[in-house]
Amino acid sequence: MPFLPRPCEPCDPPGYAVLALPPEIDFCNAMGLLPMIMTAVDHHSGPLRTLVLDLSATRFMDSQGIRLLSEVRHRLPGRTELRVVAAPQGVPSRVLELSGLRRDVPVHDSLAEALRPHSGTARGSGGRAGGGAAP
């Protein structure tokens, strides 16, 4: 399943790549998404500091989605950081919470929040990524 088009892909901030993921991530498509994500990482123009996987349009995600995100995180080169966007009340957000992955990967409520500098650190006991100003 291909990535969903984003109307503003060319205007990603320097060092960032944003990939919108499909409406469903499960055993049928998760492993097919991995090579597509890694190809986008490998072909990013310039040094990639942050990969943002946008789950805003994802309505269903099972444990294969968690496996996918974990695998992407481990395959990212050097100091490239992974951030995730997931609607707070959506299924992906709940799956990320139940799996414990959100302790390791910053999860943001919106794409704008995920693209803010210094927003990659977790805040509070809930593990929700912070969007506040840098210290």
N, C-alpha and C. Protein backbone atom coordinates (compact mmCIF):
# COMPACT_ATOMS: atom_id res chain seq x y z
N MET A 1 0.85 -1.17 0.00
CA MET A 1 0.00 0.00 0.00
C MET A 1 0.90 1.24 0.00
N PRO A 2 0.68 2.18 -0.91
CA PRO A 2 1.54 3.36 -0.99
C PRO A 2 1.25 4.34 0.15
N PHE A 3 2.21 5.23 0.34
CA PHE A 3 2.02 6.29 1.32
C PHE A 3 0.95 7.24 0.82
N LEU A 4 0.27 7.88 1.73
CA LEU A 4 -0.71 8.88 1.34
C LEU A 4 0.01 10.16 0.94
N PRO A 5 -0.46 10.84 -0.09
CA PRO A 5 0.21 12.08 -0.49
C PRO A 5 0.01 13.17 0.56
N ARG A 6 1.03 13.97 0.70
CA ARG A 6 0.95 15.12 1.60
C ARG A 6 1.03 16.37 0.74
N PRO A 7 0.17 17.35 0.96
CA PRO A 7 0.17 18.52 0.10
C PRO A 7 1.43 19.38 0.25
N CYS A 8 2.22 19.17 1.28
CA CYS A 8 3.34 20.08 1.53
C CYS A 8 4.68 19.36 1.65
N GLU A 9 4.84 18.20 1.03
CA GLU A 9 6.09 17.45 1.16
C GLU A 9 7.32 18.29 0.83
N PRO A 10 7.31 19.10 -0.22
CA PRO A 10 8.53 19.86 -0.52
C PRO A 10 8.88 20.90 0.56
N CYS A 11 7.94 21.22 1.42
CA CYS A 11 8.24 22.24 2.43
C CYS A 11 8.57 21.65 3.80
N ASP A 12 8.92 20.36 3.86
CA ASP A 12 9.41 19.80 5.11
C ASP A 12 10.63 20.61 5.53
N PRO A 13 10.78 20.89 6.82
CA PRO A 13 11.97 21.63 7.26
C PRO A 13 13.24 20.86 6.90
N PRO A 14 14.35 21.57 6.69
CA PRO A 14 15.62 20.89 6.39
C PRO A 14 15.96 19.87 7.47
N GLY A 15 16.37 18.69 7.04
CA GLY A 15 16.74 17.63 7.97
C GLY A 15 15.58 16.77 8.41
N TYR A 16 14.37 17.09 7.97
CA TYR A 16 13.17 16.33 8.33
C TYR A 16 12.60 15.63 7.11
N ALA A 17 12.04 14.46 7.32
CA ALA A 17 11.25 13.78 6.30
C ALA A 17 9.95 13.35 6.96
N VAL A 18 8.83 13.63 6.31
CA VAL A 18 7.52 13.27 6.84
C VAL A 18 6.88 12.28 5.89
N LEU A 19 6.46 11.15 6.43
CA LEU A 19 5.78 10.13 5.64
C LEU A 19 4.42 9.85 6.26
N ALA A 20 3.38 10.04 5.47
CA ALA A 20 2.03 9.73 5.92
C ALA A 20 1.76 8.26 5.68
N LEU A 21 1.32 7.57 6.70
CA LEU A 21 1.06 6.13 6.61
C LEU A 21 -0.41 5.87 6.28
N PRO A 22 -0.72 4.67 5.79
CA PRO A 22 -2.07 4.37 5.30
C PRO A 22 -3.11 4.24 6.42
N PRO A 23 -4.39 4.19 6.03
CA PRO A 23 -5.48 4.10 7.01
C PRO A 23 -5.45 2.84 7.88
N GLU A 24 -4.85 1.76 7.40
CA GLU A 24 -4.74 0.54 8.19
C GLU A 24 -3.31 0.02 8.13
N ILE A 25 -2.81 -0.39 9.27
CA ILE A 25 -1.50 -1.04 9.34
C ILE A 25 -1.69 -2.33 10.11
N ASP A 26 -1.53 -3.45 9.39
CA ASP A 26 -1.74 -4.75 10.01
C ASP A 26 -0.86 -5.79 9.32
N PHE A 27 -1.13 -7.07 9.58
CA PHE A 27 -0.28 -8.13 9.02
C PHE A 27 -0.28 -8.15 7.49
N CYS A 28 -1.29 -7.57 6.87
CA CYS A 28 -1.36 -7.58 5.40
C CYS A 28 -0.39 -6.61 4.74
N ASN A 29 -0.06 -5.51 5.42
CA ASN A 29 0.76 -4.50 4.75
C ASN A 29 1.97 -4.01 5.53
N ALA A 30 2.10 -4.34 6.79
CA ALA A 30 3.16 -3.75 7.62
C ALA A 30 4.56 -4.04 7.07
N MET A 31 4.84 -5.27 6.71
CA MET A 31 6.18 -5.58 6.22
C MET A 31 6.43 -5.02 4.82
N GLY A 32 5.40 -4.76 4.07
CA GLY A 32 5.56 -4.08 2.78
C GLY A 32 5.86 -2.61 2.94
N LEU A 33 5.42 -2.04 4.06
CA LEU A 33 5.69 -0.62 4.32
C LEU A 33 7.14 -0.39 4.71
N LEU A 34 7.76 -1.36 5.35
CA LEU A 34 9.14 -1.19 5.83
C LEU A 34 10.10 -0.82 4.70
N PRO A 35 10.15 -1.56 3.59
CA PRO A 35 11.09 -1.17 2.53
C PRO A 35 10.77 0.19 1.93
N MET A 36 9.49 0.56 1.87
CA MET A 36 9.13 1.87 1.34
C MET A 36 9.63 2.98 2.26
N ILE A 37 9.49 2.79 3.56
CA ILE A 37 9.96 3.79 4.51
C ILE A 37 11.49 3.91 4.43
N MET A 38 12.16 2.77 4.42
CA MET A 38 13.63 2.81 4.39
C MET A 38 14.16 3.37 3.07
N THR A 39 13.47 3.14 1.97
CA THR A 39 13.86 3.73 0.69
C THR A 39 13.73 5.25 0.76
N ALA A 40 12.65 5.73 1.36
CA ALA A 40 12.48 7.18 1.53
C ALA A 40 13.59 7.76 2.39
N VAL A 41 13.99 7.05 3.43
CA VAL A 41 15.09 7.50 4.29
C VAL A 41 16.39 7.52 3.50
N ASP A 42 16.66 6.45 2.76
CA ASP A 42 17.91 6.35 2.00
C ASP A 42 18.01 7.39 0.89
N HIS A 43 16.88 7.80 0.34
CA HIS A 43 16.89 8.75 -0.78
C HIS A 43 16.57 10.17 -0.36
N HIS A 44 16.57 10.45 0.93
CA HIS A 44 16.30 11.80 1.40
C HIS A 44 17.43 12.72 0.97
N SER A 45 17.07 13.88 0.46
CA SER A 45 18.12 14.82 0.03
C SER A 45 18.70 15.52 1.26
N GLY A 46 20.00 15.46 1.37
CA GLY A 46 20.67 16.07 2.52
C GLY A 46 20.64 15.17 3.73
N PRO A 47 21.31 15.60 4.80
CA PRO A 47 21.33 14.79 6.02
C PRO A 47 19.96 14.75 6.70
N LEU A 48 19.55 13.56 7.07
CA LEU A 48 18.25 13.38 7.72
C LEU A 48 18.45 13.33 9.24
N ARG A 49 17.88 14.30 9.94
CA ARG A 49 17.97 14.33 11.41
C ARG A 49 16.73 13.71 12.07
N THR A 50 15.56 13.91 11.42
CA THR A 50 14.31 13.46 12.03
C THR A 50 13.38 12.87 10.97
N LEU A 51 12.91 11.65 11.24
CA LEU A 51 11.89 11.02 10.42
C LEU A 51 10.59 11.08 11.20
N VAL A 52 9.56 11.66 10.58
CA VAL A 52 8.25 11.75 11.21
C VAL A 52 7.30 10.82 10.46
N LEU A 53 6.77 9.84 11.16
CA LEU A 53 5.76 8.95 10.59
C LEU A 53 4.40 9.44 11.05
N ASP A 54 3.60 9.88 10.10
CA ASP A 54 2.31 10.49 10.40
C ASP A 54 1.19 9.45 10.34
N LEU A 55 0.65 9.14 11.50
CA LEU A 55 -0.45 8.19 11.62
C LEU A 55 -1.79 8.89 11.75
N SER A 56 -1.86 10.17 11.38
CA SER A 56 -3.10 10.94 11.52
C SER A 56 -4.26 10.31 10.78
N ALA A 57 -4.01 9.75 9.61
CA ALA A 57 -5.07 9.14 8.81
C ALA A 57 -5.24 7.65 9.11
N THR A 58 -4.40 7.11 9.98
CA THR A 58 -4.47 5.67 10.31
C THR A 58 -5.58 5.45 11.32
N ARG A 59 -6.54 4.63 10.95
CA ARG A 59 -7.69 4.36 11.82
C ARG A 59 -7.56 3.02 12.54
N PHE A 60 -6.72 2.13 11.98
CA PHE A 60 -6.53 0.82 12.61
C PHE A 60 -5.05 0.45 12.55
N MET A 61 -4.56 -0.06 13.65
CA MET A 61 -3.19 -0.54 13.71
C MET A 61 -3.14 -1.65 14.75
N ASP A 62 -2.52 -2.77 14.40
CA ASP A 62 -2.38 -3.86 15.36
C ASP A 62 -0.91 -4.02 15.75
N SER A 63 -0.56 -5.13 16.31
CA SER A 63 0.81 -5.35 16.80
C SER A 63 1.84 -5.31 15.66
N GLN A 64 1.41 -5.58 14.44
CA GLN A 64 2.34 -5.49 13.32
C GLN A 64 2.76 -4.04 13.07
N GLY A 65 1.89 -3.11 13.38
CA GLY A 65 2.25 -1.70 13.29
C GLY A 65 3.32 -1.34 14.30
N ILE A 66 3.23 -1.90 15.49
CA ILE A 66 4.25 -1.69 16.52
C ILE A 66 5.57 -2.30 16.07
N ARG A 67 5.49 -3.49 15.52
CA ARG A 67 6.71 -4.15 15.01
C ARG A 67 7.34 -3.29 13.91
N LEU A 68 6.53 -2.74 13.02
CA LEU A 68 7.02 -1.88 11.94
C LEU A 68 7.75 -0.66 12.50
N LEU A 69 7.12 0.04 13.42
CA LEU A 69 7.74 1.24 14.00
C LEU A 69 9.04 0.90 14.73
N SER A 70 9.03 -0.20 15.44
CA SER A 70 10.24 -0.63 16.16
C SER A 70 11.37 -0.96 15.18
N GLU A 71 11.03 -1.65 14.11
CA GLU A 71 12.03 -2.01 13.10
C GLU A 71 12.58 -0.76 12.41
N VAL A 72 11.72 0.18 12.09
CA VAL A 72 12.18 1.44 11.48
C VAL A 72 13.13 2.14 12.44
N ARG A 73 12.76 2.22 13.68
CA ARG A 73 13.59 2.89 14.69
C ARG A 73 14.98 2.27 14.75
N HIS A 74 15.06 0.97 14.70
CA HIS A 74 16.36 0.29 14.80
C HIS A 74 17.18 0.39 13.53
N ARG A 75 16.53 0.60 12.40
CA ARG A 75 17.24 0.67 11.12
C ARG A 75 17.66 2.10 10.74
N LEU A 76 17.17 3.09 11.45
CA LEU A 76 17.53 4.46 11.10
C LEU A 76 19.02 4.68 11.26
N PRO A 77 19.61 5.43 10.34
CA PRO A 77 21.06 5.65 10.40
C PRO A 77 21.45 6.62 11.51
N GLY A 78 22.63 6.37 12.05
CA GLY A 78 23.28 7.30 12.99
C GLY A 78 22.37 7.91 14.03
N ARG A 79 22.33 9.22 14.01
CA ARG A 79 21.56 9.96 15.01
C ARG A 79 20.19 10.40 14.52
N THR A 80 19.68 9.75 13.51
CA THR A 80 18.36 10.10 13.00
C THR A 80 17.32 9.71 14.04
N GLU A 81 16.47 10.67 14.37
CA GLU A 81 15.43 10.46 15.39
C GLU A 81 14.11 10.11 14.72
N LEU A 82 13.35 9.23 15.34
CA LEU A 82 12.01 8.88 14.87
C LEU A 82 11.00 9.58 15.76
N ARG A 83 10.04 10.24 15.12
CA ARG A 83 8.89 10.82 15.82
C ARG A 83 7.63 10.30 15.14
N VAL A 84 6.56 10.20 15.91
CA VAL A 84 5.28 9.69 15.40
C VAL A 84 4.20 10.70 15.70
N VAL A 85 3.27 10.85 14.75
CA VAL A 85 2.08 11.68 14.96
C VAL A 85 0.89 10.73 15.04
N ALA A 86 0.11 10.85 16.10
CA ALA A 86 -1.09 10.02 16.27
C ALA A 86 -2.14 10.81 17.03
N ALA A 87 -3.36 10.78 16.54
CA ALA A 87 -4.47 11.46 17.21
C ALA A 87 -4.61 10.89 18.62
N PRO A 88 -4.74 11.76 19.62
CA PRO A 88 -4.77 11.30 21.02
C PRO A 88 -5.85 10.26 21.32
N GLN A 89 -7.00 10.35 20.69
CA GLN A 89 -8.09 9.42 20.98
C GLN A 89 -8.18 8.28 19.97
N GLY A 90 -7.22 8.20 19.05
CA GLY A 90 -7.28 7.18 18.01
C GLY A 90 -6.72 5.83 18.44
N VAL A 91 -7.03 4.83 17.64
CA VAL A 91 -6.56 3.47 17.89
C VAL A 91 -5.03 3.40 17.90
N PRO A 92 -4.33 4.01 16.92
CA PRO A 92 -2.87 3.92 16.95
C PRO A 92 -2.26 4.47 18.24
N SER A 93 -2.79 5.57 18.74
CA SER A 93 -2.28 6.14 19.98
C SER A 93 -2.44 5.17 21.14
N ARG A 94 -3.58 4.53 21.20
CA ARG A 94 -3.84 3.56 22.27
C ARG A 94 -2.94 2.34 22.14
N VAL A 95 -2.73 1.86 20.91
CA VAL A 95 -1.86 0.71 20.68
C VAL A 95 -0.42 1.06 21.07
N LEU A 96 0.02 2.27 20.72
CA LEU A 96 1.37 2.71 21.11
C LEU A 96 1.52 2.76 22.63
N GLU A 97 0.47 3.21 23.30
CA GLU A 97 0.50 3.27 24.76
C GLU A 97 0.54 1.88 25.39
N LEU A 98 -0.33 1.00 24.92
CA LEU A 98 -0.40 -0.35 25.48
C LEU A 98 0.87 -1.15 25.24
N SER A 99 1.51 -0.92 24.11
CA SER A 99 2.72 -1.66 23.78
C SER A 99 3.95 -1.17 24.53
N GLY A 100 3.88 0.06 25.02
CA GLY A 100 5.04 0.65 25.69
C GLY A 100 6.00 1.34 24.74
N LEU A 101 5.74 1.28 23.45
CA LEU A 101 6.65 1.90 22.48
C LEU A 101 6.74 3.41 22.63
N ARG A 102 5.68 4.02 23.11
CA ARG A 102 5.71 5.48 23.24
C ARG A 102 6.68 5.95 24.32
N ARG A 103 7.20 5.03 25.13
CA ARG A 103 8.28 5.40 26.07
C ARG A 103 9.58 5.63 25.32
N ASP A 104 9.74 4.96 24.18
CA ASP A 104 10.98 5.02 23.40
C ASP A 104 10.90 5.95 22.19
N VAL A 105 9.69 6.18 21.70
CA VAL A 105 9.49 7.00 20.50
C VAL A 105 8.55 8.15 20.86
N PRO A 106 8.97 9.39 20.62
CA PRO A 106 8.09 10.52 20.90
C PRO A 106 6.83 10.46 20.03
N VAL A 107 5.67 10.60 20.66
CA VAL A 107 4.39 10.60 19.96
C VAL A 107 3.77 11.98 20.15
N HIS A 108 3.37 12.58 19.04
CA HIS A 108 2.83 13.94 19.06
C HIS A 108 1.38 13.94 18.58
N ASP A 109 0.61 14.91 19.07
CA ASP A 109 -0.79 15.02 18.71
C ASP A 109 -1.01 15.57 17.30
N SER A 110 -0.04 16.34 16.79
CA SER A 110 -0.20 16.96 15.48
C SER A 110 1.13 16.99 14.75
N LEU A 111 1.06 17.15 13.45
CA LEU A 111 2.27 17.24 12.64
C LEU A 111 3.04 18.51 12.99
N ALA A 112 2.34 19.60 13.21
CA ALA A 112 3.02 20.85 13.57
C ALA A 112 3.84 20.68 14.85
N GLU A 113 3.27 19.96 15.81
CA GLU A 113 3.98 19.71 17.07
C GLU A 113 5.22 18.84 16.83
N ALA A 114 5.09 17.84 15.98
CA ALA A 114 6.21 16.93 15.71
C ALA A 114 7.34 17.62 14.97
N LEU A 115 7.04 18.67 14.22
CA LEU A 115 8.06 19.37 13.44
C LEU A 115 8.76 20.47 14.22
N ARG A 116 8.31 20.73 15.43
CA ARG A 116 8.98 21.74 16.25
C ARG A 116 10.34 21.24 16.69
N PRO A 117 11.36 22.12 16.64
CA PRO A 117 12.67 21.72 17.17
C PRO A 117 12.56 21.39 18.67
N HIS A 118 13.35 20.47 19.11
CA HIS A 118 13.42 20.07 20.52
C HIS A 118 12.11 19.48 21.03
N SER A 119 11.28 18.95 20.15
CA SER A 119 10.03 18.35 20.62
C SER A 119 10.12 16.84 20.67
N GLY A 120 11.32 16.30 20.60
CA GLY A 120 11.48 14.85 20.56
C GLY A 120 11.59 14.19 21.91
N THR A 121 11.62 14.95 22.99
CA THR A 121 11.77 14.33 24.29
C THR A 121 10.42 14.12 24.94
N ALA A 122 10.29 13.02 25.65
CA ALA A 122 9.04 12.71 26.32
C ALA A 122 8.84 13.63 27.51
N ARG A 123 7.58 13.90 27.81
CA ARG A 123 7.25 14.79 28.91
C ARG A 123 6.26 14.10 29.83
N GLY A 124 6.43 14.27 31.12
CA GLY A 124 5.46 13.75 32.06
C GLY A 124 5.49 12.23 32.16
N SER A 125 4.67 11.70 33.05
CA SER A 125 4.66 10.26 33.28
C SER A 125 3.94 9.49 32.18
N GLY A 126 3.13 10.18 31.38
CA GLY A 126 2.39 9.50 30.33
C GLY A 126 3.22 9.20 29.11
N GLY A 127 4.43 9.75 29.02
CA GLY A 127 5.29 9.48 27.88
C GLY A 127 4.90 10.28 26.65
N ARG A 128 3.95 11.17 26.77
CA ARG A 128 3.52 11.99 25.64
C ARG A 128 4.62 12.98 25.33
N ALA A 129 4.92 13.16 24.08
CA ALA A 129 5.99 14.07 23.69
C ALA A 129 5.59 15.49 23.96
N GLY A 130 6.55 16.27 24.41
CA GLY A 130 6.28 17.67 24.71
C GLY A 130 6.48 18.55 23.49
N GLY A 131 5.80 19.65 23.47
CA GLY A 131 5.93 20.58 22.37
C GLY A 131 6.34 21.94 22.86
N GLY A 132 6.79 22.04 24.10
CA GLY A 132 7.14 23.33 24.68
C GLY A 132 8.48 23.82 24.19
N ALA A 133 8.81 25.01 24.64
CA ALA A 133 10.06 25.63 24.24
C ALA A 133 11.23 24.89 24.84
N ALA A 134 12.34 24.95 24.14
CA ALA A 134 13.55 24.30 24.63
C ALA A 134 14.09 25.03 25.83
N PRO A 135 14.72 24.33 26.79
CA PRO A 135 15.24 24.99 27.97
C PRO A 135 16.39 25.92 27.64
